[in-house]
């Protein structure tokens, strides 16, 4: 009996499997956490770039944001949605707020764009801190010419 217990105690045949079972959950949590953090930063950058491009399109008359030489809010909103789509971020009409005659930092005569977006993680069960979604905002102003 002592030999059997000693033999089982000294056996190393399943040690790697047990070690992997202990380390794997932490490893995968860190891996998916880094991927989701990268996606969150990517989306935030995409929203800021979209807001800047849309404010510039509104401030400097461009064909994408005007209709017959005058500013068009519907074309500017469509420009914002298409720019965000180029970054693989889908925006709806309610998430983009445009103001062609705004005051930015106490100065008048600016085009202002505000974008709100709720980032939803693809692995909510693993990352409980992001499971309800994270609200991202982007704001940009550009001088009207």
N, C-alpha and C. Protein backbone atom coordinates (compact mmCIF):
# COMPACT_ATOMS: atom_id res chain seq x y z
N UNK A 1 0.82 -1.19 0.00
CA UNK A 1 0.00 0.00 0.00
C UNK A 1 0.87 1.25 0.00
N UNK A 2 1.95 1.23 0.81
CA UNK A 2 2.83 2.40 0.86
C UNK A 2 3.48 2.64 -0.48
N UNK A 3 3.84 1.57 -1.16
CA UNK A 3 4.49 1.72 -2.48
C UNK A 3 3.52 2.35 -3.48
N UNK A 4 2.29 1.95 -3.44
CA UNK A 4 1.29 2.49 -4.39
C UNK A 4 1.09 3.99 -4.15
N UNK A 5 0.99 4.38 -2.91
CA UNK A 5 0.81 5.80 -2.58
C UNK A 5 2.06 6.58 -2.95
N UNK A 6 3.23 6.04 -2.66
CA UNK A 6 4.48 6.70 -3.00
C UNK A 6 4.61 6.83 -4.53
N UNK A 7 4.21 5.82 -5.26
CA UNK A 7 4.29 5.84 -6.71
C UNK A 7 3.36 6.91 -7.30
N UNK A 8 2.15 7.00 -6.78
CA UNK A 8 1.20 8.03 -7.23
C UNK A 8 1.73 9.42 -6.86
N UNK A 9 2.27 9.58 -5.69
CA UNK A 9 2.80 10.87 -5.22
C UNK A 9 3.96 11.35 -6.08
N UNK A 10 4.80 10.47 -6.55
CA UNK A 10 5.97 10.84 -7.32
C UNK A 10 5.70 10.91 -8.83
N UNK A 11 4.53 10.50 -9.25
CA UNK A 11 4.20 10.52 -10.68
C UNK A 11 4.06 11.96 -11.17
N UNK A 12 4.59 12.26 -12.35
CA UNK A 12 4.55 13.60 -12.95
C UNK A 12 3.74 13.61 -14.25
N UNK A 13 3.02 12.58 -14.54
CA UNK A 13 2.37 12.45 -15.84
C UNK A 13 1.27 13.49 -16.08
N UNK A 14 0.59 13.97 -15.09
CA UNK A 14 -0.48 14.95 -15.30
C UNK A 14 -0.15 16.34 -14.81
N UNK A 15 1.09 16.59 -14.44
CA UNK A 15 1.47 17.88 -13.86
C UNK A 15 1.27 19.03 -14.85
N UNK A 16 1.63 18.81 -16.10
CA UNK A 16 1.48 19.88 -17.10
C UNK A 16 0.02 20.24 -17.32
N UNK A 17 -0.83 19.24 -17.35
CA UNK A 17 -2.26 19.49 -17.54
C UNK A 17 -2.84 20.28 -16.36
N UNK A 18 -2.44 19.94 -15.17
CA UNK A 18 -2.92 20.65 -13.98
C UNK A 18 -2.41 22.09 -13.96
N UNK A 19 -1.14 22.28 -14.29
CA UNK A 19 -0.58 23.63 -14.34
C UNK A 19 -1.28 24.47 -15.40
N UNK A 20 -1.53 23.88 -16.57
CA UNK A 20 -2.23 24.61 -17.61
C UNK A 20 -3.65 24.97 -17.17
N UNK A 21 -4.32 24.06 -16.50
CA UNK A 21 -5.68 24.32 -16.02
C UNK A 21 -5.70 25.46 -15.01
N UNK A 22 -4.63 25.60 -14.25
CA UNK A 22 -4.57 26.70 -13.28
C UNK A 22 -4.22 28.04 -13.93
N UNK A 23 -3.37 28.02 -14.95
CA UNK A 23 -2.87 29.25 -15.56
C UNK A 23 -3.76 29.73 -16.71
N UNK A 24 -4.41 28.82 -17.41
CA UNK A 24 -5.17 29.16 -18.62
C UNK A 24 -6.25 30.23 -18.41
N UNK A 25 -7.09 30.16 -17.38
CA UNK A 25 -8.12 31.19 -17.23
C UNK A 25 -7.54 32.60 -17.09
N UNK A 26 -6.48 32.73 -16.33
CA UNK A 26 -5.85 34.04 -16.15
C UNK A 26 -5.23 34.50 -17.47
N UNK A 27 -4.59 33.59 -18.18
CA UNK A 27 -3.97 33.93 -19.46
C UNK A 27 -5.03 34.40 -20.47
N UNK A 28 -6.12 33.64 -20.60
CA UNK A 28 -7.15 34.02 -21.57
C UNK A 28 -7.86 35.31 -21.17
N UNK A 29 -8.05 35.54 -19.89
CA UNK A 29 -8.64 36.79 -19.44
C UNK A 29 -7.75 37.97 -19.81
N UNK A 30 -6.45 37.83 -19.61
CA UNK A 30 -5.52 38.90 -19.99
C UNK A 30 -5.49 39.08 -21.51
N UNK A 31 -5.49 38.00 -22.26
CA UNK A 31 -5.45 38.07 -23.71
C UNK A 31 -6.68 38.78 -24.26
N UNK A 32 -7.87 38.34 -23.85
CA UNK A 32 -9.10 38.98 -24.33
C UNK A 32 -9.23 40.40 -23.80
N UNK A 33 -8.73 40.66 -22.61
CA UNK A 33 -8.75 42.02 -22.08
C UNK A 33 -7.90 42.97 -22.92
N UNK A 34 -6.72 42.50 -23.34
CA UNK A 34 -5.87 43.34 -24.19
C UNK A 34 -6.50 43.57 -25.55
N UNK A 35 -7.12 42.55 -26.10
CA UNK A 35 -7.78 42.70 -27.40
C UNK A 35 -8.93 43.69 -27.30
N UNK A 36 -9.74 43.57 -26.27
CA UNK A 36 -10.88 44.48 -26.11
C UNK A 36 -10.43 45.90 -25.79
N UNK A 37 -9.36 46.06 -25.03
CA UNK A 37 -8.82 47.39 -24.78
C UNK A 37 -8.34 48.02 -26.09
N UNK A 38 -7.69 47.22 -26.94
CA UNK A 38 -7.27 47.71 -28.25
C UNK A 38 -8.46 48.13 -29.10
N UNK A 39 -9.53 47.33 -29.08
CA UNK A 39 -10.74 47.70 -29.83
C UNK A 39 -11.35 48.98 -29.28
N UNK A 40 -11.36 49.14 -27.96
CA UNK A 40 -11.91 50.34 -27.34
C UNK A 40 -11.11 51.58 -27.76
N UNK A 41 -9.79 51.49 -27.73
CA UNK A 41 -8.95 52.61 -28.15
C UNK A 41 -9.11 52.90 -29.64
N UNK A 42 -9.20 51.86 -30.45
CA UNK A 42 -9.43 52.02 -31.90
C UNK A 42 -10.74 52.77 -32.14
N UNK A 43 -11.80 52.36 -31.46
CA UNK A 43 -13.10 52.98 -31.64
C UNK A 43 -13.07 54.43 -31.18
N UNK A 44 -12.42 54.70 -30.07
CA UNK A 44 -12.31 56.08 -29.59
C UNK A 44 -11.57 56.95 -30.60
N UNK A 45 -10.47 56.45 -31.14
CA UNK A 45 -9.72 57.20 -32.14
C UNK A 45 -10.56 57.41 -33.40
N UNK A 46 -11.29 56.40 -33.81
CA UNK A 46 -12.15 56.51 -34.99
C UNK A 46 -13.21 57.58 -34.80
N UNK A 47 -13.80 57.65 -33.62
CA UNK A 47 -14.83 58.67 -33.36
C UNK A 47 -14.23 60.07 -33.38
N UNK A 48 -13.05 60.24 -32.80
CA UNK A 48 -12.42 61.56 -32.81
C UNK A 48 -12.03 61.97 -34.22
N UNK A 49 -11.49 61.06 -34.99
CA UNK A 49 -11.13 61.36 -36.37
C UNK A 49 -12.37 61.70 -37.20
N UNK A 50 -13.45 60.99 -36.98
CA UNK A 50 -14.71 61.26 -37.68
C UNK A 50 -15.25 62.64 -37.31
N UNK A 51 -15.20 62.99 -36.03
CA UNK A 51 -15.69 64.30 -35.60
C UNK A 51 -14.86 65.42 -36.21
N UNK A 52 -13.54 65.27 -36.23
CA UNK A 52 -12.67 66.29 -36.80
C UNK A 52 -12.93 66.44 -38.29
N UNK A 53 -13.02 65.33 -39.01
CA UNK A 53 -13.25 65.38 -40.46
C UNK A 53 -14.61 66.00 -40.78
N UNK A 54 -15.62 65.68 -40.00
CA UNK A 54 -16.96 66.21 -40.25
C UNK A 54 -17.02 67.71 -39.93
N UNK A 55 -16.39 68.13 -38.84
CA UNK A 55 -16.37 69.57 -38.52
C UNK A 55 -15.64 70.35 -39.59
N UNK A 56 -14.57 69.80 -40.11
CA UNK A 56 -13.83 70.46 -41.19
C UNK A 56 -14.67 70.51 -42.45
N UNK A 57 -15.38 69.44 -42.75
CA UNK A 57 -16.25 69.40 -43.92
C UNK A 57 -17.35 70.45 -43.81
N UNK A 58 -17.85 70.66 -42.60
CA UNK A 58 -18.89 71.67 -42.39
C UNK A 58 -18.32 73.08 -42.45
N UNK A 59 -17.12 73.27 -41.89
CA UNK A 59 -16.53 74.61 -41.80
C UNK A 59 -16.00 75.12 -43.12
N UNK A 60 -15.35 74.27 -43.87
CA UNK A 60 -14.84 74.63 -45.19
C UNK A 60 -15.80 74.00 -46.20
N UNK A 61 -16.49 74.79 -46.97
CA UNK A 61 -17.49 74.22 -47.88
C UNK A 61 -16.89 73.15 -48.80
N UNK A 62 -17.41 71.93 -48.66
CA UNK A 62 -17.00 70.80 -49.49
C UNK A 62 -18.26 70.17 -50.06
N UNK A 63 -18.13 69.54 -51.20
CA UNK A 63 -19.30 68.97 -51.86
C UNK A 63 -19.97 67.88 -51.01
N UNK A 64 -19.22 67.21 -50.15
CA UNK A 64 -19.81 66.15 -49.33
C UNK A 64 -20.78 66.68 -48.27
N UNK A 65 -20.63 67.96 -47.90
CA UNK A 65 -21.44 68.53 -46.81
C UNK A 65 -22.28 69.72 -47.26
N UNK A 66 -22.42 69.94 -48.54
CA UNK A 66 -23.24 71.07 -49.00
C UNK A 66 -24.17 70.62 -50.10
N UNK A 67 -25.21 71.42 -50.28
CA UNK A 67 -26.20 71.14 -51.31
C UNK A 67 -26.40 72.41 -52.12
N UNK A 68 -25.84 72.46 -53.29
CA UNK A 68 -25.98 73.65 -54.14
C UNK A 68 -25.24 74.86 -53.61
N UNK A 69 -24.11 74.64 -52.95
CA UNK A 69 -23.32 75.75 -52.43
C UNK A 69 -23.66 76.18 -51.03
N UNK A 70 -24.68 75.60 -50.41
CA UNK A 70 -25.03 75.94 -49.03
C UNK A 70 -24.90 74.70 -48.15
N UNK A 71 -24.66 74.95 -46.88
CA UNK A 71 -24.47 73.87 -45.91
C UNK A 71 -25.72 73.00 -45.84
N UNK A 72 -25.54 71.69 -45.78
CA UNK A 72 -26.64 70.74 -45.66
C UNK A 72 -26.37 69.82 -44.47
N UNK A 73 -27.23 69.91 -43.47
CA UNK A 73 -27.06 69.09 -42.26
C UNK A 73 -27.22 67.60 -42.59
N UNK A 74 -28.12 67.27 -43.47
CA UNK A 74 -28.32 65.84 -43.80
C UNK A 74 -27.10 65.27 -44.52
N UNK A 75 -26.48 66.06 -45.40
CA UNK A 75 -25.27 65.58 -46.08
C UNK A 75 -24.09 65.50 -45.11
N UNK A 76 -24.01 66.44 -44.18
CA UNK A 76 -22.93 66.39 -43.19
C UNK A 76 -23.08 65.17 -42.28
N UNK A 77 -24.32 64.85 -41.89
CA UNK A 77 -24.56 63.66 -41.06
C UNK A 77 -24.23 62.39 -41.85
N UNK A 78 -24.58 62.37 -43.13
CA UNK A 78 -24.25 61.22 -43.98
C UNK A 78 -22.74 61.10 -44.13
N UNK A 79 -22.04 62.24 -44.23
CA UNK A 79 -20.58 62.22 -44.32
C UNK A 79 -19.98 61.63 -43.04
N UNK A 80 -20.52 62.02 -41.88
CA UNK A 80 -20.02 61.49 -40.60
C UNK A 80 -20.23 59.98 -40.53
N UNK A 81 -21.42 59.52 -40.93
CA UNK A 81 -21.69 58.08 -40.89
C UNK A 81 -20.77 57.31 -41.84
N UNK A 82 -20.55 57.86 -43.04
CA UNK A 82 -19.69 57.15 -44.00
C UNK A 82 -18.23 57.17 -43.55
N UNK A 83 -17.78 58.25 -42.93
CA UNK A 83 -16.41 58.30 -42.42
C UNK A 83 -16.22 57.29 -41.30
N UNK A 84 -17.20 57.20 -40.40
CA UNK A 84 -17.12 56.22 -39.31
C UNK A 84 -17.17 54.80 -39.85
N UNK A 85 -17.95 54.58 -40.90
CA UNK A 85 -18.02 53.25 -41.50
C UNK A 85 -16.67 52.85 -42.08
N UNK A 86 -15.91 53.82 -42.58
CA UNK A 86 -14.57 53.54 -43.06
C UNK A 86 -13.65 53.05 -41.95
N UNK A 87 -13.98 53.39 -40.72
CA UNK A 87 -13.22 52.92 -39.54
C UNK A 87 -13.86 51.67 -38.94
N UNK A 88 -14.87 51.11 -39.58
CA UNK A 88 -15.60 49.93 -39.11
C UNK A 88 -16.38 50.23 -37.83
N UNK A 89 -16.91 51.45 -37.73
CA UNK A 89 -17.75 51.85 -36.61
C UNK A 89 -19.09 52.31 -37.19
N UNK A 90 -20.16 51.70 -36.75
CA UNK A 90 -21.48 52.06 -37.25
C UNK A 90 -22.14 53.11 -36.38
N UNK A 91 -22.52 54.23 -36.99
CA UNK A 91 -23.21 55.30 -36.28
C UNK A 91 -24.64 55.42 -36.79
N UNK A 92 -25.54 55.80 -35.91
CA UNK A 92 -26.90 56.09 -36.34
C UNK A 92 -27.13 57.60 -36.29
N UNK A 93 -28.29 58.04 -36.74
CA UNK A 93 -28.57 59.48 -36.80
C UNK A 93 -28.58 60.13 -35.43
N UNK A 94 -29.03 59.42 -34.42
CA UNK A 94 -29.13 60.00 -33.08
C UNK A 94 -27.77 60.20 -32.42
N UNK A 95 -26.75 59.51 -32.88
CA UNK A 95 -25.45 59.59 -32.22
C UNK A 95 -24.60 60.77 -32.72
N UNK A 96 -25.02 61.43 -33.79
CA UNK A 96 -24.26 62.55 -34.35
C UNK A 96 -25.06 63.84 -34.16
N UNK A 97 -24.45 64.82 -33.49
CA UNK A 97 -25.07 66.13 -33.29
C UNK A 97 -24.23 67.16 -34.03
N UNK A 98 -24.88 67.93 -34.91
CA UNK A 98 -24.19 68.94 -35.71
C UNK A 98 -24.70 70.32 -35.35
N UNK A 99 -23.79 71.29 -35.31
CA UNK A 99 -24.15 72.70 -35.08
C UNK A 99 -23.25 73.54 -35.98
N UNK A 100 -23.87 74.16 -36.99
CA UNK A 100 -23.09 74.93 -37.96
C UNK A 100 -22.76 76.34 -37.47
N UNK A 101 -23.43 76.79 -36.40
CA UNK A 101 -23.19 78.13 -35.86
C UNK A 101 -22.99 78.03 -34.36
N UNK A 102 -21.91 77.39 -33.95
CA UNK A 102 -21.65 77.12 -32.54
C UNK A 102 -20.60 78.07 -31.98
N UNK A 103 -20.56 78.11 -30.66
CA UNK A 103 -19.49 78.81 -29.94
C UNK A 103 -18.60 77.75 -29.32
N UNK A 104 -17.33 77.81 -29.65
CA UNK A 104 -16.37 76.85 -29.10
C UNK A 104 -15.31 77.61 -28.31
N UNK A 105 -15.16 77.25 -27.06
CA UNK A 105 -14.16 77.86 -26.17
C UNK A 105 -14.36 79.38 -26.09
N UNK A 106 -15.62 79.81 -26.09
CA UNK A 106 -15.94 81.22 -25.94
C UNK A 106 -15.88 82.03 -27.23
N UNK A 107 -15.62 81.41 -28.34
CA UNK A 107 -15.55 82.11 -29.62
C UNK A 107 -16.70 81.65 -30.52
N UNK A 108 -17.28 82.57 -31.26
CA UNK A 108 -18.41 82.26 -32.14
C UNK A 108 -17.92 81.99 -33.56
N UNK A 109 -18.81 81.42 -34.36
CA UNK A 109 -18.53 81.21 -35.77
C UNK A 109 -17.83 79.90 -36.06
N UNK A 110 -18.18 78.86 -35.35
CA UNK A 110 -17.57 77.55 -35.55
C UNK A 110 -18.61 76.51 -35.96
N UNK A 111 -18.14 75.50 -36.63
CA UNK A 111 -18.95 74.30 -36.86
C UNK A 111 -18.53 73.29 -35.80
N UNK A 112 -19.51 72.73 -35.13
CA UNK A 112 -19.22 71.80 -34.03
C UNK A 112 -19.90 70.46 -34.28
N UNK A 113 -19.18 69.39 -34.02
CA UNK A 113 -19.70 68.03 -34.16
C UNK A 113 -19.51 67.31 -32.83
N UNK A 114 -20.57 66.68 -32.36
CA UNK A 114 -20.50 65.85 -31.15
C UNK A 114 -21.00 64.46 -31.53
N UNK A 115 -20.22 63.46 -31.17
CA UNK A 115 -20.58 62.08 -31.47
C UNK A 115 -20.59 61.30 -30.16
N UNK A 116 -21.67 60.55 -29.94
CA UNK A 116 -21.76 59.65 -28.80
C UNK A 116 -21.91 58.23 -29.33
N UNK A 117 -21.28 57.30 -28.65
CA UNK A 117 -21.29 55.91 -29.10
C UNK A 117 -21.15 55.01 -27.89
N UNK A 118 -21.90 53.92 -27.88
CA UNK A 118 -21.76 52.95 -26.79
C UNK A 118 -20.98 51.75 -27.29
N UNK A 119 -19.80 51.58 -26.72
CA UNK A 119 -18.92 50.46 -27.08
C UNK A 119 -19.37 49.23 -26.32
N UNK A 120 -19.67 48.17 -27.05
CA UNK A 120 -20.10 46.91 -26.45
C UNK A 120 -19.01 45.88 -26.71
N UNK A 121 -18.54 45.23 -25.67
CA UNK A 121 -17.51 44.21 -25.82
C UNK A 121 -18.11 42.92 -26.39
N UNK A 122 -17.31 42.16 -27.08
CA UNK A 122 -17.79 40.89 -27.64
C UNK A 122 -17.65 39.74 -26.66
N UNK A 123 -16.98 39.96 -25.56
CA UNK A 123 -16.83 38.93 -24.54
C UNK A 123 -17.30 39.47 -23.18
N UNK A 124 -18.60 39.79 -23.05
CA UNK A 124 -19.06 40.43 -21.81
C UNK A 124 -18.99 39.54 -20.59
N UNK A 125 -19.06 38.24 -20.76
CA UNK A 125 -19.03 37.37 -19.58
C UNK A 125 -17.64 37.31 -18.95
N UNK A 126 -16.61 37.47 -19.76
CA UNK A 126 -15.25 37.44 -19.23
C UNK A 126 -14.83 38.79 -18.66
N UNK A 127 -15.30 39.86 -19.28
CA UNK A 127 -14.89 41.21 -18.87
C UNK A 127 -16.09 41.93 -18.27
N UNK A 128 -16.38 41.65 -17.03
CA UNK A 128 -17.57 42.19 -16.38
C UNK A 128 -17.53 43.71 -16.28
N UNK A 129 -16.35 44.31 -16.26
CA UNK A 129 -16.28 45.77 -16.15
C UNK A 129 -16.76 46.46 -17.41
N UNK A 130 -16.74 45.76 -18.56
CA UNK A 130 -17.20 46.34 -19.82
C UNK A 130 -18.54 45.76 -20.28
N UNK A 131 -19.15 44.90 -19.49
CA UNK A 131 -20.32 44.16 -19.96
C UNK A 131 -21.52 45.06 -20.24
N UNK A 132 -21.71 46.14 -19.53
CA UNK A 132 -22.85 47.03 -19.77
C UNK A 132 -22.60 48.02 -20.88
N UNK A 133 -21.42 48.05 -21.42
CA UNK A 133 -21.09 49.00 -22.46
C UNK A 133 -20.36 50.20 -21.87
N UNK A 134 -19.54 50.80 -22.68
CA UNK A 134 -18.80 51.98 -22.28
C UNK A 134 -19.19 53.13 -23.19
N UNK A 135 -19.62 54.24 -22.63
CA UNK A 135 -20.01 55.38 -23.44
C UNK A 135 -18.78 56.16 -23.87
N UNK A 136 -18.65 56.33 -25.17
CA UNK A 136 -17.55 57.10 -25.75
C UNK A 136 -18.13 58.36 -26.37
N UNK A 137 -17.40 59.47 -26.26
CA UNK A 137 -17.82 60.72 -26.88
C UNK A 137 -16.65 61.34 -27.62
N UNK A 138 -16.99 62.05 -28.67
CA UNK A 138 -15.98 62.79 -29.43
C UNK A 138 -16.59 64.14 -29.77
N UNK A 139 -15.77 65.18 -29.70
CA UNK A 139 -16.22 66.55 -29.92
C UNK A 139 -15.16 67.28 -30.73
N UNK A 140 -15.59 68.00 -31.76
CA UNK A 140 -14.63 68.74 -32.58
C UNK A 140 -15.26 70.05 -33.06
N UNK A 141 -14.43 71.08 -33.18
CA UNK A 141 -14.85 72.37 -33.71
C UNK A 141 -13.92 72.77 -34.85
N UNK A 142 -14.49 73.49 -35.81
CA UNK A 142 -13.69 74.00 -36.92
C UNK A 142 -14.27 75.35 -37.34
N UNK A 143 -13.38 76.29 -37.64
CA UNK A 143 -13.82 77.64 -38.01
C UNK A 143 -14.60 77.63 -39.31
N UNK A 144 -15.71 78.34 -39.34
CA UNK A 144 -16.49 78.50 -40.58
C UNK A 144 -15.79 79.47 -41.52
N UNK A 145 -15.67 79.10 -42.77
CA UNK A 145 -15.05 79.97 -43.78
C UNK A 145 -16.07 80.39 -44.79
